[in-house]
Amino acid sequence: MYSVESDRSKQLLVISAAGRVTKKEVESVALRVREMMKEITPGFRVLTDFRWLERMDPAAAVPLAEIMDALAEKDVAAVVRVVPDPHKDIGLNILSQFHYGPEIQIATFQTLADALQSMAGADSSST
């Protein structure tokens, strides 16, 4: 399963992966992200939660890159990732180098609690 949801009031997009993710699932989310970008304002944040990811089809790299491009085009401010097992990074760090600019803050955490704490800290420092 690969899904995306947004909370416009918090300027937050949440992308989740669980189980075995196929290229088709990522393509579907890529389309949805493009639609969501029409209604989101620049400066939003993205939380990617891969705690329950078992495996992602290697062919999903192309639509995954399309998602990154759509986020960058809409001026994403920060990407916070939850990847408990560094071996399941699925190439995110490499893809990020080509699809996100240096102005986009990227942070990876092993736990959701640490990721959320980081985001809450960023919220309080920007007020």
N, C-alpha and C. Protein backbone atom coordinates (compact mmCIF):
# COMPACT_ATOMS: atom_id res chain seq x y z
N MET A 1 0.83 -1.18 0.00
CA MET A 1 0.00 0.00 0.00
C MET A 1 0.88 1.24 0.00
N TYR A 2 0.50 2.20 -0.80
CA TYR A 2 1.19 3.48 -0.88
C TYR A 2 0.10 4.54 -0.94
N SER A 3 0.13 5.50 -0.02
CA SER A 3 -0.97 6.46 0.02
C SER A 3 -0.46 7.86 0.34
N VAL A 4 -1.32 8.83 0.07
CA VAL A 4 -1.00 10.22 0.37
C VAL A 4 -2.25 10.90 0.90
N GLU A 5 -2.05 11.76 1.88
CA GLU A 5 -3.15 12.58 2.40
C GLU A 5 -2.58 13.93 2.77
N SER A 6 -3.45 14.92 2.84
CA SER A 6 -2.97 16.26 3.15
C SER A 6 -3.81 16.91 4.25
N ASP A 7 -3.15 17.80 4.96
CA ASP A 7 -3.81 18.64 5.95
C ASP A 7 -3.42 20.07 5.59
N ARG A 8 -4.29 20.72 4.82
CA ARG A 8 -3.97 22.06 4.33
C ARG A 8 -3.82 23.06 5.46
N SER A 9 -4.56 22.89 6.55
CA SER A 9 -4.45 23.83 7.66
C SER A 9 -3.06 23.79 8.30
N LYS A 10 -2.41 22.65 8.23
CA LYS A 10 -1.06 22.51 8.78
C LYS A 10 0.02 22.56 7.72
N GLN A 11 -0.41 22.79 6.45
CA GLN A 11 0.56 22.82 5.35
C GLN A 11 1.39 21.54 5.34
N LEU A 12 0.72 20.40 5.47
CA LEU A 12 1.41 19.12 5.61
C LEU A 12 0.84 18.09 4.65
N LEU A 13 1.74 17.37 4.00
CA LEU A 13 1.40 16.25 3.14
C LEU A 13 2.01 15.01 3.79
N VAL A 14 1.24 13.94 3.93
CA VAL A 14 1.74 12.71 4.54
C VAL A 14 1.68 11.60 3.50
N ILE A 15 2.83 11.00 3.23
CA ILE A 15 2.92 9.88 2.29
C ILE A 15 3.34 8.66 3.10
N SER A 16 2.55 7.59 2.98
CA SER A 16 2.79 6.38 3.75
C SER A 16 2.98 5.18 2.84
N ALA A 17 3.84 4.28 3.28
CA ALA A 17 4.07 3.03 2.55
C ALA A 17 4.01 1.88 3.54
N ALA A 18 3.35 0.80 3.13
CA ALA A 18 3.24 -0.38 3.98
C ALA A 18 3.24 -1.63 3.11
N GLY A 19 3.82 -2.68 3.65
CA GLY A 19 3.82 -3.95 2.93
C GLY A 19 4.70 -3.90 1.70
N ARG A 20 4.20 -4.54 0.63
CA ARG A 20 4.92 -4.58 -0.64
C ARG A 20 4.29 -3.57 -1.59
N VAL A 21 5.05 -2.56 -1.95
CA VAL A 21 4.54 -1.47 -2.77
C VAL A 21 4.92 -1.71 -4.23
N THR A 22 3.92 -1.60 -5.10
CA THR A 22 4.13 -1.83 -6.53
C THR A 22 4.34 -0.51 -7.27
N LYS A 23 4.85 -0.62 -8.47
CA LYS A 23 5.02 0.55 -9.33
C LYS A 23 3.67 1.20 -9.59
N LYS A 24 2.65 0.40 -9.82
CA LYS A 24 1.31 0.92 -10.11
C LYS A 24 0.78 1.76 -8.94
N GLU A 25 1.01 1.31 -7.71
CA GLU A 25 0.57 2.08 -6.54
C GLU A 25 1.27 3.43 -6.47
N VAL A 26 2.56 3.45 -6.75
CA VAL A 26 3.31 4.70 -6.70
C VAL A 26 2.87 5.62 -7.84
N GLU A 27 2.58 5.06 -9.01
CA GLU A 27 2.06 5.87 -10.11
C GLU A 27 0.74 6.53 -9.74
N SER A 28 -0.11 5.79 -9.06
CA SER A 28 -1.40 6.32 -8.64
C SER A 28 -1.22 7.48 -7.65
N VAL A 29 -0.30 7.32 -6.71
CA VAL A 29 -0.03 8.38 -5.74
C VAL A 29 0.60 9.58 -6.44
N ALA A 30 1.46 9.34 -7.42
CA ALA A 30 2.08 10.44 -8.15
C ALA A 30 1.01 11.31 -8.81
N LEU A 31 0.01 10.68 -9.40
CA LEU A 31 -1.10 11.44 -10.00
C LEU A 31 -1.85 12.24 -8.95
N ARG A 32 -2.09 11.61 -7.83
CA ARG A 32 -2.81 12.27 -6.74
C ARG A 32 -2.03 13.46 -6.18
N VAL A 33 -0.71 13.28 -6.05
CA VAL A 33 0.13 14.37 -5.55
C VAL A 33 0.07 15.55 -6.51
N ARG A 34 0.13 15.28 -7.80
CA ARG A 34 0.04 16.37 -8.79
C ARG A 34 -1.28 17.14 -8.62
N GLU A 35 -2.37 16.41 -8.39
CA GLU A 35 -3.67 17.07 -8.17
C GLU A 35 -3.65 17.90 -6.89
N MET A 36 -3.09 17.33 -5.82
CA MET A 36 -3.03 18.04 -4.54
C MET A 36 -2.19 19.31 -4.62
N MET A 37 -1.17 19.30 -5.45
CA MET A 37 -0.29 20.46 -5.58
C MET A 37 -1.02 21.68 -6.12
N LYS A 38 -2.14 21.48 -6.78
CA LYS A 38 -2.92 22.59 -7.31
C LYS A 38 -3.54 23.41 -6.19
N GLU A 39 -3.75 22.79 -5.03
CA GLU A 39 -4.44 23.46 -3.93
C GLU A 39 -3.57 23.73 -2.71
N ILE A 40 -2.30 23.45 -2.81
CA ILE A 40 -1.43 23.66 -1.65
C ILE A 40 -0.53 24.86 -1.92
N THR A 41 -0.22 25.60 -0.89
CA THR A 41 0.61 26.80 -1.07
C THR A 41 2.09 26.46 -0.83
N PRO A 42 2.98 27.16 -1.48
CA PRO A 42 4.41 26.93 -1.29
C PRO A 42 4.80 27.04 0.18
N GLY A 43 5.86 26.31 0.54
CA GLY A 43 6.33 26.33 1.92
C GLY A 43 5.77 25.21 2.77
N PHE A 44 5.06 24.29 2.17
CA PHE A 44 4.49 23.16 2.90
C PHE A 44 5.58 22.15 3.26
N ARG A 45 5.22 21.20 4.11
CA ARG A 45 6.14 20.14 4.52
C ARG A 45 5.57 18.79 4.14
N VAL A 46 6.46 17.82 4.04
CA VAL A 46 6.06 16.45 3.71
C VAL A 46 6.62 15.51 4.77
N LEU A 47 5.77 14.64 5.26
CA LEU A 47 6.18 13.57 6.17
C LEU A 47 6.01 12.26 5.41
N THR A 48 7.09 11.52 5.22
CA THR A 48 6.99 10.21 4.59
C THR A 48 7.21 9.15 5.67
N ASP A 49 6.25 8.27 5.78
CA ASP A 49 6.27 7.26 6.83
C ASP A 49 6.46 5.88 6.20
N PHE A 50 7.67 5.35 6.32
CA PHE A 50 7.98 4.04 5.76
C PHE A 50 8.22 3.01 6.86
N ARG A 51 7.59 3.20 8.02
CA ARG A 51 7.78 2.25 9.13
C ARG A 51 7.35 0.85 8.76
N TRP A 52 6.30 0.72 7.97
CA TRP A 52 5.73 -0.60 7.70
C TRP A 52 6.07 -1.11 6.30
N LEU A 53 6.98 -0.43 5.62
CA LEU A 53 7.39 -0.85 4.29
C LEU A 53 8.20 -2.14 4.36
N GLU A 54 7.77 -3.14 3.60
CA GLU A 54 8.54 -4.38 3.50
C GLU A 54 9.44 -4.34 2.27
N ARG A 55 8.85 -3.92 1.15
CA ARG A 55 9.58 -3.93 -0.11
C ARG A 55 8.89 -2.99 -1.10
N MET A 56 9.70 -2.31 -1.92
CA MET A 56 9.14 -1.49 -2.98
C MET A 56 9.73 -1.97 -4.30
N ASP A 57 8.86 -2.12 -5.28
CA ASP A 57 9.26 -2.53 -6.61
C ASP A 57 10.33 -1.57 -7.13
N PRO A 58 11.50 -2.05 -7.57
CA PRO A 58 12.54 -1.14 -8.09
C PRO A 58 12.04 -0.26 -9.24
N ALA A 59 11.08 -0.74 -10.02
CA ALA A 59 10.52 0.06 -11.12
C ALA A 59 9.73 1.26 -10.62
N ALA A 60 9.44 1.31 -9.32
CA ALA A 60 8.71 2.44 -8.74
C ALA A 60 9.58 3.68 -8.62
N ALA A 61 10.87 3.56 -8.90
CA ALA A 61 11.77 4.72 -8.79
C ALA A 61 11.36 5.86 -9.71
N VAL A 62 10.85 5.54 -10.89
CA VAL A 62 10.46 6.59 -11.84
C VAL A 62 9.28 7.40 -11.31
N PRO A 63 8.16 6.77 -10.92
CA PRO A 63 7.07 7.59 -10.37
C PRO A 63 7.43 8.23 -9.03
N LEU A 64 8.31 7.60 -8.26
CA LEU A 64 8.77 8.20 -7.01
C LEU A 64 9.51 9.51 -7.30
N ALA A 65 10.34 9.50 -8.34
CA ALA A 65 11.05 10.71 -8.76
C ALA A 65 10.06 11.77 -9.24
N GLU A 66 8.98 11.34 -9.90
CA GLU A 66 7.96 12.29 -10.35
C GLU A 66 7.28 12.97 -9.16
N ILE A 67 7.07 12.22 -8.09
CA ILE A 67 6.50 12.80 -6.87
C ILE A 67 7.46 13.86 -6.32
N MET A 68 8.73 13.52 -6.24
CA MET A 68 9.73 14.48 -5.74
C MET A 68 9.75 15.73 -6.61
N ASP A 69 9.70 15.57 -7.92
CA ASP A 69 9.70 16.72 -8.82
C ASP A 69 8.47 17.60 -8.59
N ALA A 70 7.31 16.98 -8.41
CA ALA A 70 6.08 17.75 -8.18
C ALA A 70 6.18 18.54 -6.88
N LEU A 71 6.76 17.94 -5.84
CA LEU A 71 6.93 18.62 -4.57
C LEU A 71 7.90 19.79 -4.70
N ALA A 72 9.01 19.56 -5.39
CA ALA A 72 10.01 20.61 -5.57
C ALA A 72 9.46 21.76 -6.41
N GLU A 73 8.68 21.44 -7.44
CA GLU A 73 8.10 22.48 -8.29
C GLU A 73 7.17 23.40 -7.50
N LYS A 74 6.54 22.86 -6.47
CA LYS A 74 5.60 23.65 -5.66
C LYS A 74 6.29 24.24 -4.43
N ASP A 75 7.62 24.19 -4.39
CA ASP A 75 8.42 24.79 -3.33
C ASP A 75 8.19 24.18 -1.95
N VAL A 76 8.32 22.87 -1.88
CA VAL A 76 8.27 22.20 -0.58
C VAL A 76 9.39 22.77 0.28
N ALA A 77 9.10 23.02 1.56
CA ALA A 77 10.10 23.60 2.46
C ALA A 77 10.95 22.52 3.12
N ALA A 78 10.30 21.41 3.49
CA ALA A 78 11.01 20.36 4.21
C ALA A 78 10.39 18.99 3.95
N VAL A 79 11.25 18.00 3.95
CA VAL A 79 10.83 16.60 3.82
C VAL A 79 11.37 15.86 5.03
N VAL A 80 10.47 15.28 5.81
CA VAL A 80 10.85 14.52 7.00
C VAL A 80 10.47 13.07 6.74
N ARG A 81 11.45 12.20 6.87
CA ARG A 81 11.23 10.78 6.57
C ARG A 81 11.36 9.93 7.82
N VAL A 82 10.52 8.89 7.88
CA VAL A 82 10.64 7.89 8.93
C VAL A 82 11.03 6.59 8.24
N VAL A 83 12.29 6.18 8.45
CA VAL A 83 12.82 4.95 7.86
C VAL A 83 13.55 4.21 8.98
N PRO A 84 12.86 3.30 9.68
CA PRO A 84 13.47 2.62 10.82
C PRO A 84 14.69 1.77 10.47
N ASP A 85 14.69 1.20 9.29
CA ASP A 85 15.78 0.33 8.87
C ASP A 85 16.51 1.01 7.71
N PRO A 86 17.74 1.47 7.93
CA PRO A 86 18.48 2.16 6.86
C PRO A 86 18.62 1.33 5.58
N HIS A 87 18.53 0.02 5.69
CA HIS A 87 18.61 -0.85 4.51
C HIS A 87 17.36 -0.73 3.63
N LYS A 88 16.30 -0.15 4.18
CA LYS A 88 15.06 0.02 3.42
C LYS A 88 14.91 1.46 2.91
N ASP A 89 16.01 2.14 2.74
CA ASP A 89 16.00 3.51 2.26
C ASP A 89 15.45 3.59 0.83
N ILE A 90 15.48 2.51 0.10
CA ILE A 90 14.99 2.38 -1.28
C ILE A 90 15.51 3.45 -2.23
N GLY A 91 16.68 3.98 -1.95
CA GLY A 91 17.29 4.95 -2.85
C GLY A 91 16.80 6.38 -2.67
N LEU A 92 16.11 6.67 -1.59
CA LEU A 92 15.57 8.01 -1.38
C LEU A 92 16.67 9.07 -1.33
N ASN A 93 17.76 8.75 -0.65
CA ASN A 93 18.84 9.73 -0.54
C ASN A 93 19.45 10.06 -1.90
N ILE A 94 19.62 9.05 -2.72
CA ILE A 94 20.18 9.28 -4.05
C ILE A 94 19.19 10.06 -4.91
N LEU A 95 17.93 9.65 -4.93
CA LEU A 95 16.93 10.36 -5.72
C LEU A 95 16.81 11.82 -5.28
N SER A 96 16.90 12.05 -3.97
CA SER A 96 16.78 13.42 -3.44
C SER A 96 17.83 14.34 -4.00
N GLN A 97 19.04 13.83 -4.21
CA GLN A 97 20.13 14.66 -4.73
C GLN A 97 19.82 15.19 -6.13
N PHE A 98 19.03 14.45 -6.89
CA PHE A 98 18.72 14.85 -8.26
C PHE A 98 17.38 15.57 -8.40
N HIS A 99 16.48 15.40 -7.43
CA HIS A 99 15.13 15.93 -7.60
C HIS A 99 14.76 17.04 -6.60
N TYR A 100 15.59 17.24 -5.58
CA TYR A 100 15.36 18.33 -4.64
C TYR A 100 16.56 19.27 -4.69
N GLY A 101 16.30 20.55 -4.56
CA GLY A 101 17.38 21.52 -4.53
C GLY A 101 17.98 21.61 -3.13
N PRO A 102 19.10 22.32 -3.00
CA PRO A 102 19.77 22.43 -1.71
C PRO A 102 18.97 23.24 -0.68
N GLU A 103 17.99 24.02 -1.13
CA GLU A 103 17.18 24.81 -0.19
C GLU A 103 16.12 23.98 0.54
N ILE A 104 15.88 22.76 0.09
CA ILE A 104 14.88 21.90 0.72
C ILE A 104 15.52 21.13 1.87
N GLN A 105 14.98 21.32 3.06
CA GLN A 105 15.49 20.62 4.23
C GLN A 105 15.01 19.17 4.21
N ILE A 106 15.94 18.24 4.38
CA ILE A 106 15.60 16.82 4.40
C ILE A 106 16.16 16.22 5.68
N ALA A 107 15.30 15.51 6.41
CA ALA A 107 15.73 14.85 7.63
C ALA A 107 15.13 13.46 7.68
N THR A 108 15.92 12.50 8.13
CA THR A 108 15.46 11.12 8.23
C THR A 108 15.58 10.66 9.67
N PHE A 109 14.53 10.02 10.16
CA PHE A 109 14.50 9.53 11.54
C PHE A 109 14.14 8.06 11.56
N GLN A 110 14.54 7.39 12.63
CA GLN A 110 14.21 5.97 12.77
C GLN A 110 12.84 5.75 13.39
N THR A 111 12.33 6.76 14.10
CA THR A 111 11.02 6.61 14.73
C THR A 111 10.10 7.76 14.35
N LEU A 112 8.81 7.47 14.33
CA LEU A 112 7.82 8.51 14.05
C LEU A 112 7.84 9.56 15.15
N ALA A 113 8.03 9.14 16.39
CA ALA A 113 8.07 10.09 17.51
C ALA A 113 9.17 11.13 17.31
N ASP A 114 10.36 10.68 16.89
CA ASP A 114 11.46 11.62 16.66
C ASP A 114 11.15 12.56 15.50
N ALA A 115 10.53 12.02 14.45
CA ALA A 115 10.18 12.84 13.29
C ALA A 115 9.17 13.92 13.69
N LEU A 116 8.14 13.52 14.43
CA LEU A 116 7.11 14.47 14.86
C LEU A 116 7.68 15.52 15.81
N GLN A 117 8.58 15.09 16.69
CA GLN A 117 9.21 16.03 17.61
C GLN A 117 10.03 17.06 16.82
N SER A 118 10.73 16.60 15.80
CA SER A 118 11.51 17.50 14.95
C SER A 118 10.59 18.51 14.26
N MET A 119 9.48 18.03 13.75
CA MET A 119 8.53 18.92 13.06
C MET A 119 7.91 19.91 14.03
N ALA A 120 7.60 19.47 15.24
CA ALA A 120 7.02 20.36 16.24
C ALA A 120 8.03 21.43 16.62
N GLY A 121 9.30 21.06 16.71
CA GLY A 121 10.35 22.02 17.02
C GLY A 121 10.49 23.06 15.93
N ALA A 122 10.35 22.62 14.70
CA ALA A 122 10.42 23.55 13.56
C ALA A 122 9.24 24.50 13.58
N ASP A 123 8.06 23.99 13.98
CA ASP A 123 6.87 24.83 14.07
C ASP A 123 7.07 25.94 15.11
N SER A 124 7.61 25.58 16.28
CA SER A 124 7.74 26.57 17.35
C SER A 124 8.85 27.58 17.04
N SER A 125 9.86 27.16 16.28
CA SER A 125 10.94 28.11 15.98
C SER A 125 10.56 29.07 14.85
N SER A 126 9.50 28.73 14.10
CA SER A 126 9.09 29.62 13.00
C SER A 126 8.01 30.60 13.42
N THR A 127 7.59 30.54 14.67
CA THR A 127 6.56 31.48 15.15
C THR A 127 7.16 32.64 15.88
